[in-house]
Amino acid sequence: MRSIDKIILHCSANGPNSNIGAKEIRAYHMLPVSKGGRGWSDIGYHYVIRRDGTLDVGRDITKAGAHCTGLNAHSIGICLVGGVKSDGKTPEDNFLPAQFDMLAKLIRDLRLRFPNTSIHGHNEFAQKACPVFNVAAFLAKYGISKMPDAGEWKWPHFKPSEFTKLWGSGPMPQEWKDALDALEKLRAKYGKPIVIAKSDYSKGVFSCDLKIPYSMADAAMQSGFASVREVPGVGMRVYIVGA
């Protein structure tokens, strides 16, 4: 498996009514240059998110993509269908909520496999409008950090009121509140980073000293109160809370 340290976001530069996915983009990317295509061996992106939020798998993630010059070897390319007006050329943030919901889910899932990845828009590395939408605002809305965990495993010392601000508008899920209480008790008990739970996805969650539901551990990870790593070759999530 190649080393991956970046997730780069793109748009397909299609209008708001374009009903296309990885199949159509792959056909264009593989079409010979003489016929108006790119002449590549495969689709350039690893994932494509259609207008309705459906996720299409593109190029094999184990292979370098063709989506960002100079950074393909160590990155994952995700493309959202849309990004221009109906005229086919004027940049426009016309992406739909279902697309952003899927993008957030995909990024979280990828970070379980590749925890040292940072998130970027294509326009950070090229003189392009792509991906057109405000990546920083998207990350903030979904509570996703741009940069990977520094690996220090330091407890953030958030107060409940600050935790509520991280959640945003609307009531905070009860399991997040439960996770906060459980992890605070663990933090007070131990003076160093500890593994609080391990999961093999199918057998539930088992902690070292405190048995907690899978939903609680997962909520703790998503909220930032626990860090997560995937054990190579085993596929287990490891939830860690720092002192």
Protein backbone atom coordinates (compact mmCIF):
# COMPACT_ATOMS: atom_id res chain seq x y z
CA MET A 1 0.00 0.00 0.00
CA ARG A 2 1.32 3.43 -0.91
CA SER A 3 1.91 6.14 1.70
CA ILE A 4 -0.98 8.65 1.76
CA ASP A 5 -0.83 12.01 3.51
CA LYS A 6 -3.38 14.16 1.67
CA ILE A 7 -7.03 14.04 0.65
CA ILE A 8 -7.64 16.49 -2.18
CA LEU A 9 -11.14 17.66 -3.10
CA HIS A 10 -12.27 18.41 -6.64
CA CYS A 11 -15.34 19.24 -8.69
CA SER A 12 -16.20 17.70 -12.05
CA ALA A 13 -16.91 21.12 -13.62
CA ASN A 14 -20.35 20.02 -14.76
CA GLY A 15 -23.63 21.90 -14.55
CA PRO A 16 -26.22 21.43 -11.78
CA ASN A 17 -28.34 19.07 -13.88
CA SER A 18 -25.53 16.68 -14.81
CA ASN A 19 -26.46 13.11 -13.94
CA ILE A 20 -23.02 11.57 -14.25
CA GLY A 21 -20.73 9.49 -12.09
CA ALA A 22 -17.46 7.59 -12.16
CA LYS A 23 -18.47 5.63 -15.28
CA GLU A 24 -18.87 8.74 -17.42
CA ILE A 25 -15.81 10.49 -16.02
CA ARG A 26 -13.73 7.34 -16.52
CA ALA A 27 -14.83 7.16 -20.16
CA TYR A 28 -13.75 10.77 -20.72
CA HIS A 29 -10.43 10.36 -18.93
CA MET A 30 -9.59 7.23 -20.91
CA LEU A 31 -10.69 8.63 -24.26
CA PRO A 32 -7.67 9.31 -26.53
CA VAL A 33 -6.50 12.90 -26.70
CA SER A 34 -7.10 12.82 -30.45
CA LYS A 35 -10.79 12.33 -29.71
CA GLY A 36 -11.04 15.04 -27.05
CA GLY A 37 -10.24 12.97 -23.97
CA ARG A 38 -7.30 12.79 -21.58
CA GLY A 39 -5.78 9.56 -22.81
CA TRP A 40 -5.20 8.20 -19.30
CA SER A 41 -5.13 4.56 -18.21
CA ASP A 42 -8.07 5.02 -15.83
CA ILE A 43 -10.24 7.64 -14.15
CA GLY A 44 -8.12 10.22 -12.35
CA TYR A 45 -10.16 10.30 -9.13
CA HIS A 46 -10.43 7.62 -6.47
CA TYR A 47 -13.99 8.55 -5.54
CA VAL A 48 -16.84 10.42 -7.22
CA ILE A 49 -19.87 11.76 -5.36
CA ARG A 50 -22.91 12.07 -7.61
CA ARG A 51 -25.54 14.81 -7.37
CA ASP A 52 -27.83 12.65 -5.23
CA GLY A 53 -25.02 11.84 -2.79
CA THR A 54 -24.31 8.38 -4.16
CA LEU A 55 -20.66 7.38 -3.80
CA ASP A 56 -18.96 5.88 -6.84
CA VAL A 57 -15.58 4.20 -6.52
CA GLY A 58 -13.07 5.33 -9.13
CA ARG A 59 -9.43 4.38 -9.45
CA ASP A 60 -8.15 1.73 -7.07
CA ILE A 61 -7.05 3.54 -3.92
CA THR A 62 -3.83 1.54 -3.85
CA LYS A 63 -2.81 3.22 -7.11
CA ALA A 64 -1.71 6.84 -7.55
CA GLY A 65 -4.43 8.98 -9.10
CA ALA A 66 -4.27 11.64 -11.79
CA HIS A 67 -5.96 14.61 -10.17
CA CYS A 68 -3.32 16.99 -8.79
CA THR A 69 0.00 17.54 -10.52
CA GLY A 70 2.98 16.71 -8.33
CA LEU A 71 0.91 15.26 -5.48
CA ASN A 72 -0.71 12.20 -6.97
CA ALA A 73 1.68 9.65 -5.49
CA HIS A 74 0.70 10.32 -1.89
CA SER A 75 -2.87 11.59 -2.11
CA ILE A 76 -6.48 10.52 -2.55
CA GLY A 77 -8.64 12.43 -5.03
CA ILE A 78 -12.35 12.93 -4.36
CA CYS A 79 -14.57 14.57 -6.97
CA LEU A 80 -18.02 16.07 -6.43
CA VAL A 81 -20.18 16.28 -9.53
CA GLY A 82 -21.11 19.88 -10.27
CA GLY A 83 -19.21 23.12 -9.80
CA VAL A 84 -20.22 25.25 -12.79
CA LYS A 85 -23.38 26.97 -13.99
CA SER A 86 -25.57 25.61 -16.75
CA ASP A 87 -23.39 27.44 -19.27
CA GLY A 88 -20.75 24.78 -18.58
CA LYS A 89 -17.94 27.17 -17.74
CA THR A 90 -18.78 29.70 -15.00
CA PRO A 91 -17.71 28.42 -11.53
CA GLU A 92 -20.63 28.01 -9.13
CA ASP A 93 -20.99 26.38 -5.74
CA ASN A 94 -24.09 24.38 -6.65
CA PHE A 95 -23.39 21.26 -4.63
CA LEU A 96 -26.23 19.63 -2.72
CA PRO A 97 -26.51 18.73 0.99
CA ALA A 98 -26.51 15.02 0.17
CA GLN A 99 -23.14 15.43 -1.54
CA PHE A 100 -21.59 17.20 1.43
CA ASP A 101 -23.04 14.63 3.85
CA MET A 102 -21.46 11.82 1.86
CA LEU A 103 -18.18 13.71 1.56
CA ALA A 104 -18.00 14.14 5.34
CA LYS A 105 -18.72 10.45 5.89
CA LEU A 106 -16.14 9.42 3.31
CA ILE A 107 -13.44 11.64 4.82
CA ARG A 108 -14.10 10.24 8.31
CA ASP A 109 -13.94 6.69 6.98
CA LEU A 110 -10.72 7.38 5.08
CA ARG A 111 -9.15 8.93 8.15
CA LEU A 112 -9.70 5.67 10.01
CA ARG A 113 -7.50 3.98 7.40
CA PHE A 114 -5.13 6.89 6.83
CA PRO A 115 -4.98 8.94 10.06
CA ASN A 116 -2.08 11.13 8.93
CA THR A 117 -3.97 12.80 6.08
CA SER A 118 -4.66 16.52 5.73
CA ILE A 119 -7.65 17.84 3.74
CA HIS A 120 -7.24 20.27 0.83
CA GLY A 121 -9.07 21.85 -2.05
CA HIS A 122 -7.48 21.47 -5.48
CA ASN A 123 -7.16 25.26 -5.65
CA GLU A 124 -4.55 25.17 -2.88
CA PHE A 125 -2.13 23.61 -5.35
CA ALA A 126 -3.24 24.98 -8.72
CA GLN A 127 -4.52 28.20 -10.23
CA LYS A 128 -8.06 26.87 -10.44
CA ALA A 129 -11.43 27.53 -8.86
CA CYS A 130 -11.78 23.78 -8.19
CA PRO A 131 -13.44 22.56 -6.04
CA VAL A 132 -15.37 25.88 -6.04
CA PHE A 133 -16.93 25.41 -2.60
CA ASN A 134 -15.32 26.77 0.58
CA VAL A 135 -13.40 23.79 1.97
CA ALA A 136 -12.64 25.47 5.31
CA ALA A 137 -16.32 26.24 5.89
CA PHE A 138 -17.28 22.69 4.96
CA LEU A 139 -14.77 21.20 7.41
CA ALA A 140 -15.91 23.53 10.18
CA LYS A 141 -19.59 22.71 9.62
CA TYR A 142 -18.97 18.97 9.88
CA GLY A 143 -16.43 19.20 12.69
CA ILE A 144 -13.58 17.77 10.63
CA SER A 145 -10.02 18.97 11.22
CA LYS A 146 -7.98 20.04 8.22
CA MET A 147 -4.71 18.72 9.60
CA PRO A 148 -4.10 15.22 10.98
CA ASP A 149 -3.78 14.54 14.67
CA ALA A 150 -0.33 15.62 15.86
CA GLY A 151 0.09 12.32 17.66
CA GLU A 152 0.54 13.85 21.09
CA TRP A 153 -2.74 12.41 22.37
CA LYS A 154 -3.29 15.42 24.60
CA TRP A 155 -6.65 15.82 26.31
CA PRO A 156 -8.21 19.03 24.98
CA HIS A 157 -9.64 20.10 28.36
CA PHE A 158 -12.91 21.23 26.81
CA LYS A 159 -15.64 22.35 29.16
CA PRO A 160 -19.16 21.06 28.46
CA SER A 161 -20.14 24.51 27.17
CA GLU A 162 -17.23 24.50 24.72
CA PHE A 163 -18.11 20.97 23.69
CA THR A 164 -21.62 22.18 22.87
CA LYS A 165 -20.17 24.87 20.62
CA LEU A 166 -18.25 22.22 18.72
CA TRP A 167 -21.47 20.35 18.10
CA GLY A 168 -23.11 23.46 16.64
CA SER A 169 -26.80 24.20 16.45
CA GLY A 170 -29.46 21.82 17.67
CA PRO A 171 -29.44 19.40 20.59
CA MET A 172 -26.29 17.43 21.22
CA PRO A 173 -26.73 13.65 20.86
CA GLN A 174 -27.10 11.99 24.26
CA GLU A 175 -24.34 9.50 23.44
CA TRP A 176 -21.91 12.41 23.00
CA LYS A 177 -22.83 13.65 26.47
CA ASP A 178 -22.38 10.14 27.84
CA ALA A 179 -19.04 9.84 26.06
CA LEU A 180 -17.87 13.10 27.57
CA ASP A 181 -18.76 11.96 31.09
CA ALA A 182 -17.17 8.52 30.64
CA LEU A 183 -13.96 9.86 29.15
CA GLU A 184 -13.64 12.54 31.82
CA LYS A 185 -13.69 9.81 34.45
CA LEU A 186 -11.02 7.89 32.57
CA ARG A 187 -8.88 10.97 32.11
CA ALA A 188 -9.00 11.68 35.83
CA LYS A 189 -8.02 8.10 36.64
CA TYR A 190 -4.99 7.83 34.37
CA GLY A 191 -2.05 10.17 33.89
CA LYS A 192 -1.00 8.97 30.46
CA PRO A 193 -2.62 8.10 27.14
CA ILE A 194 -4.57 4.87 27.28
CA VAL A 195 -6.50 2.66 24.90
CA ILE A 196 -10.11 2.85 26.01
CA ALA A 197 -11.65 0.49 23.50
CA LYS A 198 -10.98 -1.86 20.63
CA SER A 199 -13.45 -2.94 17.99
CA ASP A 200 -13.36 -5.38 15.11
CA TYR A 201 -16.53 -3.79 13.61
CA SER A 202 -18.64 -6.89 14.19
CA LYS A 203 -18.08 -7.87 17.82
CA GLY A 204 -18.74 -4.54 19.47
CA VAL A 205 -16.47 -2.47 21.69
CA PHE A 206 -14.41 -3.70 24.62
CA SER A 207 -12.46 -1.31 26.80
CA CYS A 208 -9.47 -1.93 29.03
CA ASP A 209 -11.14 -0.85 32.26
CA LEU A 210 -14.55 0.53 31.40
CA LYS A 211 -16.94 -1.24 29.08
CA ILE A 212 -18.80 1.29 26.97
CA PRO A 213 -21.25 0.89 24.08
CA TYR A 214 -19.95 1.02 20.53
CA SER A 215 -22.06 4.12 19.82
CA MET A 216 -20.51 5.94 22.76
CA ALA A 217 -16.94 5.15 21.75
CA ASP A 218 -17.69 6.08 18.16
CA ALA A 219 -19.28 9.35 19.26
CA ALA A 220 -16.25 10.08 21.42
CA MET A 221 -13.97 9.58 18.44
CA GLN A 222 -16.08 11.73 16.11
CA SER A 223 -16.33 14.52 18.67
CA GLY A 224 -12.57 14.72 19.13
CA PHE A 225 -12.46 13.47 22.71
CA ALA A 226 -10.78 10.26 21.64
CA SER A 227 -8.35 9.58 18.86
CA VAL A 228 -8.55 6.55 16.67
CA ARG A 229 -6.14 4.29 14.84
CA GLU A 230 -6.68 1.26 12.65
CA VAL A 231 -4.43 -1.73 13.27
CA PRO A 232 -2.76 -2.70 9.95
CA GLY A 233 -3.87 -6.08 8.70
CA VAL A 234 -6.48 -6.46 11.42
CA GLY A 235 -8.93 -3.65 10.71
CA MET A 236 -9.65 -2.82 14.33
CA ARG A 237 -10.41 0.65 15.56
CA VAL A 238 -8.35 1.72 18.57
CA TYR A 239 -9.78 4.52 20.66
CA ILE A 240 -7.21 6.46 22.65
CA VAL A 241 -7.74 9.29 25.11
CA GLY A 242 -4.78 11.32 26.32
CA ALA A 243 -3.99 12.67 29.73
